[in-house]
Amino acid sequence: MEEKSKLDISGAELVSLASALAICFAQKYEKGDLKRLRMFFSSVASNIAIIEIEGLTRKKENY
């Protein structure tokens, strides 16, 4: 059974949103703050990847 996506946004829209947010952050924050934000979002992305991989592994184990 295929799960329905809760994130109803295309890849192009995600790229545009990410670009717009990066520009907004760059205009508002100083270099040190931008480094912290970069590390924070990198950490979030890494954790999402780990959760995603573990979820795929669990699905395979249940089949």
Protein backbone atom coordinates (compact mmCIF):
# COMPACT_ATOMS: atom_id res chain seq x y z
CA MET A 1 0.00 0.00 0.00
CA GLU A 2 1.40 3.39 -1.00
CA GLU A 3 1.37 6.19 1.56
CA LYS A 4 -0.15 9.49 0.57
CA SER A 5 2.32 12.37 0.79
CA LYS A 6 1.63 14.95 3.47
CA LEU A 7 4.05 17.36 1.80
CA ASP A 8 2.17 18.40 -1.32
CA ILE A 9 4.93 20.45 -2.95
CA SER A 10 7.03 19.79 -6.05
CA GLY A 11 10.81 19.57 -6.15
CA ALA A 12 10.99 22.88 -8.01
CA GLU A 13 8.84 24.54 -5.36
CA LEU A 14 11.08 23.15 -2.60
CA VAL A 15 14.18 24.52 -4.36
CA SER A 16 12.51 27.92 -4.72
CA LEU A 17 11.45 27.95 -1.07
CA ALA A 18 14.93 26.95 0.11
CA SER A 19 16.50 29.66 -2.04
CA ALA A 20 14.10 32.31 -0.78
CA LEU A 21 14.74 31.33 2.85
CA ALA A 22 18.51 31.38 2.32
CA ILE A 23 18.31 34.88 0.86
CA CYS A 24 16.12 36.10 3.72
CA PHE A 25 18.47 34.61 6.33
CA ALA A 26 21.53 36.08 4.59
CA GLN A 27 19.98 39.55 4.65
CA LYS A 28 18.94 39.37 8.29
CA TYR A 29 21.78 37.53 10.05
CA GLU A 30 25.51 38.05 10.49
CA LYS A 31 28.18 35.55 9.39
CA GLY A 32 28.42 33.81 12.77
CA ASP A 33 24.65 33.43 13.00
CA LEU A 34 24.54 32.03 9.46
CA LYS A 35 27.12 29.41 10.42
CA ARG A 36 24.93 28.36 13.36
CA LEU A 37 21.85 28.19 11.14
CA ARG A 38 23.78 26.15 8.56
CA MET A 39 24.86 23.65 11.21
CA PHE A 40 21.34 23.49 12.64
CA PHE A 41 19.69 22.79 9.29
CA SER A 42 22.43 20.33 8.36
CA SER A 43 21.77 18.47 11.60
CA VAL A 44 18.03 18.43 10.94
CA ALA A 45 18.64 17.03 7.43
CA SER A 46 20.98 14.34 8.78
CA ASN A 47 18.48 13.28 11.42
CA ILE A 48 15.66 13.13 8.86
CA ALA A 49 17.85 10.91 6.65
CA ILE A 50 18.55 8.56 9.56
CA ILE A 51 14.85 8.35 10.44
CA GLU A 52 13.97 7.75 6.79
CA ILE A 53 16.55 4.97 6.40
CA GLU A 54 15.47 3.28 9.62
CA GLY A 55 11.85 3.45 8.49
CA LEU A 56 12.72 1.83 5.15
CA THR A 57 14.71 -0.86 6.95
CA ARG A 58 11.80 -1.62 9.27
CA LYS A 59 9.40 -1.87 6.32
CA LYS A 60 11.69 -4.38 4.59
CA GLU A 61 11.98 -6.43 7.79
CA ASN A 62 8.17 -6.59 8.10
CA TYR A 63 7.70 -8.02 4.60
